[in-house]
Amino acid sequence: PAIKNSKGYAVAVSDEETLVAGKQLSNLEGIFAEPSSCTTIAAITKLREKGLIQADEKVYCLKLHS
């Protein structure tokens, strides 16, 4: 309900997308994060590629523990 009420999105990302996001994060920002923390970066990338979020939008990311 919270995602729908806020007009937000949820997206699944693959292990490969997660690893690519981790490399991008380290190359661009100098941040070396463990893979599960990079899933939010991978999700932003995927949503941007689909045109669902724009470069000038504020994005709030959550990593849920399973």
PDB file of N, CA and C in Angstrom:
ATOM      1  N   PRO A   1       0.804  -1.210   0.000  1.00  0.00           N
ATOM      2  CA  PRO A   1       0.000   0.000   0.000  1.00  0.00           C
ATOM      3  C   PRO A   1       0.851   1.281   0.000  1.00  0.00           C
ATOM      4  N   ALA A   2       1.958   1.291   0.730  1.00  0.00           N
ATOM      5  CA  ALA A   2       2.769   2.511   0.809  1.00  0.00           C
ATOM      6  C   ALA A   2       3.349   2.881  -0.550  1.00  0.00           C
ATOM      7  N   ILE A   3       3.789   1.896  -1.296  1.00  0.00           N
ATOM      8  CA  ILE A   3       4.351   2.171  -2.624  1.00  0.00           C
ATOM      9  C   ILE A   3       3.271   2.752  -3.528  1.00  0.00           C
ATOM     10  N   LYS A   4       2.110   2.139  -3.521  1.00  0.00           N
ATOM     11  CA  LYS A   4       1.005   2.607  -4.355  1.00  0.00           C
ATOM     12  C   LYS A   4       0.547   4.001  -3.917  1.00  0.00           C
ATOM     13  N   ASN A   5       0.409   4.206  -2.617  1.00  0.00           N
ATOM     14  CA  ASN A   5      -0.054   5.498  -2.104  1.00  0.00           C
ATOM     15  C   ASN A   5       0.917   6.630  -2.416  1.00  0.00           C
ATOM     16  N   SER A   6       2.192   6.323  -2.485  1.00  0.00           N
ATOM     17  CA  SER A   6       3.200   7.354  -2.755  1.00  0.00           C
ATOM     18  C   SER A   6       3.529   7.456  -4.245  1.00  0.00           C
ATOM     19  N   LYS A   7       2.822   6.657  -5.059  1.00  0.00           N
ATOM     20  CA  LYS A   7       3.087   6.585  -6.502  1.00  0.00           C
ATOM     21  C   LYS A   7       4.535   6.163  -6.774  1.00  0.00           C
ATOM     22  N   GLY A   8       5.037   5.277  -5.919  1.00  0.00           N
ATOM     23  CA  GLY A   8       6.409   4.802  -6.039  1.00  0.00           C
ATOM     24  C   GLY A   8       6.498   3.536  -6.862  1.00  0.00           C
ATOM     25  N   TYR A   9       7.678   2.939  -6.871  1.00  0.00           N
ATOM     26  CA  TYR A   9       7.943   1.740  -7.657  1.00  0.00           C
ATOM     27  C   TYR A   9       8.715   0.737  -6.820  1.00  0.00           C
ATOM     28  N   ALA A  10       8.538  -0.518  -7.167  1.00  0.00           N
ATOM     29  CA  ALA A  10       9.361  -1.594  -6.630  1.00  0.00           C
ATOM     30  C   ALA A  10       9.865  -2.367  -7.832  1.00  0.00           C
ATOM     31  N   VAL A  11      11.116  -2.768  -7.787  1.00  0.00           N
ATOM     32  CA  VAL A  11      11.694  -3.462  -8.934  1.00  0.00           C
ATOM     33  C   VAL A  11      12.677  -4.514  -8.429  1.00  0.00           C
ATOM     34  N   ALA A  12      12.744  -5.631  -9.140  1.00  0.00           N
ATOM     35  CA  ALA A  12      13.711  -6.681  -8.826  1.00  0.00           C
ATOM     36  C   ALA A  12      14.949  -6.471  -9.688  1.00  0.00           C
ATOM     37  N   VAL A  13      16.105  -6.775  -9.132  1.00  0.00           N
ATOM     38  CA  VAL A  13      17.353  -6.672  -9.884  1.00  0.00           C
ATOM     39  C   VAL A  13      18.111  -7.991  -9.781  1.00  0.00           C
ATOM     40  N   SER A  14      18.873  -8.287 -10.805  1.00  0.00           N
ATOM     41  CA  SER A  14      19.637  -9.536 -10.850  1.00  0.00           C
ATOM     42  C   SER A  14      20.964  -9.378 -10.107  1.00  0.00           C
ATOM     43  N   ASP A  15      21.609 -10.507  -9.872  1.00  0.00           N
ATOM     44  CA  ASP A  15      22.940 -10.476  -9.262  1.00  0.00           C
ATOM     45  C   ASP A  15      23.913  -9.706 -10.151  1.00  0.00           C
ATOM     46  N   GLU A  16      23.817  -9.923 -11.454  1.00  0.00           N
ATOM     47  CA  GLU A  16      24.717  -9.232 -12.390  1.00  0.00           C
ATOM     48  C   GLU A  16      24.504  -7.716 -12.336  1.00  0.00           C
ATOM     49  N   GLU A  17      23.246  -7.288 -12.318  1.00  0.00           N
ATOM     50  CA  GLU A  17      22.953  -5.853 -12.227  1.00  0.00           C
ATOM     51  C   GLU A  17      23.491  -5.268 -10.925  1.00  0.00           C
ATOM     52  N   THR A  18      23.407  -6.042  -9.857  1.00  0.00           N
ATOM     53  CA  THR A  18      23.909  -5.606  -8.554  1.00  0.00           C
ATOM     54  C   THR A  18      25.424  -5.431  -8.580  1.00  0.00           C
ATOM     55  N   LEU A  19      26.132  -6.385  -9.181  1.00  0.00           N
ATOM     56  CA  LEU A  19      27.590  -6.294  -9.259  1.00  0.00           C
ATOM     57  C   LEU A  19      28.038  -5.115 -10.123  1.00  0.00           C
ATOM     58  N   VAL A  20      27.333  -4.881 -11.228  1.00  0.00           N
ATOM     59  CA  VAL A  20      27.643  -3.731 -12.084  1.00  0.00           C
ATOM     60  C   VAL A  20      27.429  -2.435 -11.308  1.00  0.00           C
ATOM     61  N   ALA A  21      26.349  -2.362 -10.561  1.00  0.00           N
ATOM     62  CA  ALA A  21      26.069  -1.164  -9.767  1.00  0.00           C
ATOM     63  C   ALA A  21      27.163  -0.930  -8.723  1.00  0.00           C
ATOM     64  N   GLY A  22      27.653  -2.005  -8.120  1.00  0.00           N
ATOM     65  CA  GLY A  22      28.733  -1.877  -7.143  1.00  0.00           C
ATOM     66  C   GLY A  22      30.004  -1.323  -7.769  1.00  0.00           C
ATOM     67  N   LYS A  23      30.312  -1.778  -8.973  1.00  0.00           N
ATOM     68  CA  LYS A  23      31.489  -1.263  -9.679  1.00  0.00           C
ATOM     69  C   LYS A  23      31.313   0.210 -10.032  1.00  0.00           C
ATOM     70  N   GLN A  24      30.116   0.574 -10.474  1.00  0.00           N
ATOM     71  CA  GLN A  24      29.844   1.976 -10.800  1.00  0.00           C
ATOM     72  C   GLN A  24      29.968   2.851  -9.553  1.00  0.00           C
ATOM     73  N   LEU A  25      29.436   2.387  -8.444  1.00  0.00           N
ATOM     74  CA  LEU A  25      29.503   3.138  -7.200  1.00  0.00           C
ATOM     75  C   LEU A  25      30.952   3.360  -6.770  1.00  0.00           C
ATOM     76  N   SER A  26      31.764   2.341  -6.885  1.00  0.00           N
ATOM     77  CA  SER A  26      33.164   2.489  -6.485  1.00  0.00           C
ATOM     78  C   SER A  26      33.933   3.375  -7.458  1.00  0.00           C
ATOM     79  N   ASN A  27      33.667   3.237  -8.747  1.00  0.00           N
ATOM     80  CA  ASN A  27      34.365   4.056  -9.750  1.00  0.00           C
ATOM     81  C   ASN A  27      33.966   5.525  -9.692  1.00  0.00           C
ATOM     82  N   LEU A  28      32.677   5.793  -9.528  1.00  0.00           N
ATOM     83  CA  LEU A  28      32.183   7.176  -9.581  1.00  0.00           C
ATOM     84  C   LEU A  28      32.275   7.915  -8.251  1.00  0.00           C
ATOM     85  N   GLU A  29      32.082   7.178  -7.140  1.00  0.00           N
ATOM     86  CA  GLU A  29      32.003   7.827  -5.832  1.00  0.00           C
ATOM     87  C   GLU A  29      33.095   7.397  -4.852  1.00  0.00           C
ATOM     88  N   GLY A  30      33.848   6.362  -5.207  1.00  0.00           N
ATOM     89  CA  GLY A  30      34.868   5.868  -4.287  1.00  0.00           C
ATOM     90  C   GLY A  30      34.281   5.142  -3.087  1.00  0.00           C
ATOM     91  N   ILE A  31      33.051   4.657  -3.238  1.00  0.00           N
ATOM     92  CA  ILE A  31      32.370   3.938  -2.153  1.00  0.00           C
ATOM     93  C   ILE A  31      32.383   2.455  -2.498  1.00  0.00           C
ATOM     94  N   PHE A  32      32.920   1.660  -1.596  1.00  0.00           N
ATOM     95  CA  PHE A  32      32.975   0.221  -1.799  1.00  0.00           C
ATOM     96  C   PHE A  32      31.972  -0.421  -0.851  1.00  0.00           C
ATOM     97  N   ALA A  33      30.811  -0.804  -1.403  1.00  0.00           N
ATOM     98  CA  ALA A  33      29.727  -1.355  -0.597  1.00  0.00           C
ATOM     99  C   ALA A  33      29.595  -2.851  -0.840  1.00  0.00           C
ATOM    100  N   GLU A  34      29.068  -3.544   0.158  1.00  0.00           N
ATOM    101  CA  GLU A  34      28.818  -4.965  -0.029  1.00  0.00           C
ATOM    102  C   GLU A  34      27.651  -5.114  -1.006  1.00  0.00           C
ATOM    103  N   PRO A  35      27.598  -6.221  -1.747  1.00  0.00           N
ATOM    104  CA  PRO A  35      26.651  -6.356  -2.852  1.00  0.00           C
ATOM    105  C   PRO A  35      25.184  -6.068  -2.524  1.00  0.00           C
ATOM    106  N   SER A  36      24.673  -6.555  -1.403  1.00  0.00           N
ATOM    107  CA  SER A  36      23.250  -6.329  -1.148  1.00  0.00           C
ATOM    108  C   SER A  36      22.930  -4.844  -0.963  1.00  0.00           C
ATOM    109  N   SER A  37      23.904  -4.062  -0.559  1.00  0.00           N
ATOM    110  CA  SER A  37      23.691  -2.627  -0.440  1.00  0.00           C
ATOM    111  C   SER A  37      23.663  -1.930  -1.792  1.00  0.00           C
ATOM    112  N   CYS A  38      24.169  -2.587  -2.810  1.00  0.00           N
ATOM    113  CA  CYS A  38      24.199  -2.006  -4.163  1.00  0.00           C
ATOM    114  C   CYS A  38      22.909  -2.260  -4.933  1.00  0.00           C
ATOM    115  N   THR A  39      22.012  -3.044  -4.367  1.00  0.00           N
ATOM    116  CA  THR A  39      20.768  -3.338  -5.075  1.00  0.00           C
ATOM    117  C   THR A  39      19.947  -2.077  -5.326  1.00  0.00           C
ATOM    118  N   THR A  40      19.998  -1.127  -4.412  1.00  0.00           N
ATOM    119  CA  THR A  40      19.223   0.104  -4.613  1.00  0.00           C
ATOM    120  C   THR A  40      19.783   0.915  -5.774  1.00  0.00           C
ATOM    121  N   ILE A  41      21.100   0.911  -5.947  1.00  0.00           N
ATOM    122  CA  ILE A  41      21.717   1.609  -7.078  1.00  0.00           C
ATOM    123  C   ILE A  41      21.316   0.924  -8.380  1.00  0.00           C
ATOM    124  N   ALA A  42      21.318  -0.405  -8.378  1.00  0.00           N
ATOM    125  CA  ALA A  42      20.895  -1.159  -9.556  1.00  0.00           C
ATOM    126  C   ALA A  42      19.426  -0.873  -9.885  1.00  0.00           C
ATOM    127  N   ALA A  43      18.598  -0.761  -8.869  1.00  0.00           N
ATOM    128  CA  ALA A  43      17.178  -0.476  -9.086  1.00  0.00           C
ATOM    129  C   ALA A  43      16.977   0.916  -9.680  1.00  0.00           C
ATOM    130  N   ILE A  44      17.706   1.904  -9.179  1.00  0.00           N
ATOM    131  CA  ILE A  44      17.613   3.260  -9.732  1.00  0.00           C
ATOM    132  C   ILE A  44      18.015   3.249 -11.203  1.00  0.00           C
ATOM    133  N   THR A  45      19.093   2.559 -11.513  1.00  0.00           N
ATOM    134  CA  THR A  45      19.555   2.464 -12.899  1.00  0.00           C
ATOM    135  C   THR A  45      18.467   1.867 -13.785  1.00  0.00           C
ATOM    136  N   LYS A  46      17.864   0.782 -13.336  1.00  0.00           N
ATOM    137  CA  LYS A  46      16.825   0.111 -14.109  1.00  0.00           C
ATOM    138  C   LYS A  46      15.616   1.031 -14.317  1.00  0.00           C
ATOM    139  N   LEU A  47      15.193   1.711 -13.268  1.00  0.00           N
ATOM    140  CA  LEU A  47      14.042   2.607 -13.374  1.00  0.00           C
ATOM    141  C   LEU A  47      14.327   3.805 -14.275  1.00  0.00           C
ATOM    142  N   ARG A  48      15.562   4.304 -14.235  1.00  0.00           N
ATOM    143  CA  ARG A  48      15.954   5.410 -15.126  1.00  0.00           C
ATOM    144  C   ARG A  48      15.940   4.945 -16.573  1.00  0.00           C
ATOM    145  N   GLU A  49      16.462   3.748 -16.837  1.00  0.00           N
ATOM    146  CA  GLU A  49      16.486   3.218 -18.198  1.00  0.00           C
ATOM    147  C   GLU A  49      15.075   3.022 -18.749  1.00  0.00           C
ATOM    148  N   LYS A  50      14.127   2.677 -17.874  1.00  0.00           N
ATOM    149  CA  LYS A  50      12.738   2.484 -18.289  1.00  0.00           C
ATOM    150  C   LYS A  50      11.976   3.810 -18.384  1.00  0.00           C
ATOM    151  N   GLY A  51      12.619   4.895 -17.978  1.00  0.00           N
ATOM    152  CA  GLY A  51      11.970   6.200 -18.028  1.00  0.00           C
ATOM    153  C   GLY A  51      10.947   6.433 -16.922  1.00  0.00           C
ATOM    154  N   LEU A  52      11.004   5.617 -15.877  1.00  0.00           N
ATOM    155  CA  LEU A  52      10.044   5.740 -14.785  1.00  0.00           C
ATOM    156  C   LEU A  52      10.437   6.802 -13.764  1.00  0.00           C
ATOM    157  N   ILE A  53      11.726   7.124 -13.685  1.00  0.00           N
ATOM    158  CA  ILE A  53      12.184   8.243 -12.856  1.00  0.00           C
ATOM    159  C   ILE A  53      13.117   9.100 -13.706  1.00  0.00           C
ATOM    160  N   GLN A  54      13.120  10.376 -13.430  1.00  0.00           N
ATOM    161  CA  GLN A  54      13.916  11.334 -14.184  1.00  0.00           C
ATOM    162  C   GLN A  54      15.159  11.735 -13.379  1.00  0.00           C
ATOM    163  N   ALA A  55      16.150  12.250 -14.066  1.00  0.00           N
ATOM    164  CA  ALA A  55      17.420  12.613 -13.438  1.00  0.00           C
ATOM    165  C   ALA A  55      17.255  13.673 -12.354  1.00  0.00           C
ATOM    166  N   ASP A  56      16.252  14.536 -12.480  1.00  0.00           N
ATOM    167  CA  ASP A  56      16.092  15.626 -11.508  1.00  0.00           C
ATOM    168  C   ASP A  56      15.157  15.274 -10.358  1.00  0.00           C
ATOM    169  N   GLU A  57      14.659  14.045 -10.315  1.00  0.00           N
ATOM    170  CA  GLU A  57      13.755  13.639  -9.240  1.00  0.00           C
ATOM    171  C   GLU A  57      14.523  13.187  -8.008  1.00  0.00           C
ATOM    172  N   LYS A  58      13.925  13.414  -6.847  1.00  0.00           N
ATOM    173  CA  LYS A  58      14.481  12.887  -5.599  1.00  0.00           C
ATOM    174  C   LYS A  58      14.004  11.452  -5.458  1.00  0.00           C
ATOM    175  N   VAL A  59      14.917  10.583  -5.033  1.00  0.00           N
ATOM    176  CA  VAL A  59      14.623   9.158  -4.932  1.00  0.00           C
ATOM    177  C   VAL A  59      14.945   8.689  -3.528  1.00  0.00           C
ATOM    178  N   TYR A  60      14.035   7.937  -2.941  1.00  0.00           N
ATOM    179  CA  TYR A  60      14.239   7.351  -1.619  1.00  0.00           C
ATOM    180  C   TYR A  60      14.318   5.849  -1.805  1.00  0.00           C
ATOM    181  N   CYS A  61      15.412   5.244  -1.376  1.00  0.00           N
ATOM    182  CA  CYS A  61      15.627   3.810  -1.569  1.00  0.00           C
ATOM    183  C   CYS A  61      15.669   3.083  -0.242  1.00  0.00           C
ATOM    184  N   LEU A  62      15.049   1.931  -0.212  1.00  0.00           N
ATOM    185  CA  LEU A  62      15.073   1.058   0.956  1.00  0.00           C
ATOM    186  C   LEU A  62      15.640  -0.284   0.567  1.00  0.00           C
ATOM    187  N   LYS A  63      16.443  -0.851   1.433  1.00  0.00           N
ATOM    188  CA  LYS A  63      16.885  -2.219   1.257  1.00  0.00           C
ATOM    189  C   LYS A  63      16.215  -3.004   2.377  1.00  0.00           C
ATOM    190  N   LEU A  64      15.312  -3.883   2.007  1.00  0.00           N
ATOM    191  CA  LEU A  64      14.604  -4.674   2.991  1.00  0.00           C
ATOM    192  C   LEU A  64      15.372  -5.950   3.287  1.00  0.00           C
ATOM    193  N   HIS A  65      15.432  -6.310   4.534  1.00  0.00           N
ATOM    194  CA  HIS A  65      16.104  -7.555   4.920  1.00  0.00           C
ATOM    195  C   HIS A  65      15.134  -8.706   4.713  1.00  0.00           C
ATOM    196  N   SER A  66      15.645  -9.780   4.154  1.00  0.00           N
ATOM    197  CA  SER A  66      14.787 -10.944   3.950  1.00  0.00           C
ATOM    198  C   SER A  66      15.224 -12.104   4.817  1.00  0.00           C
TER     199      SER A  66
END
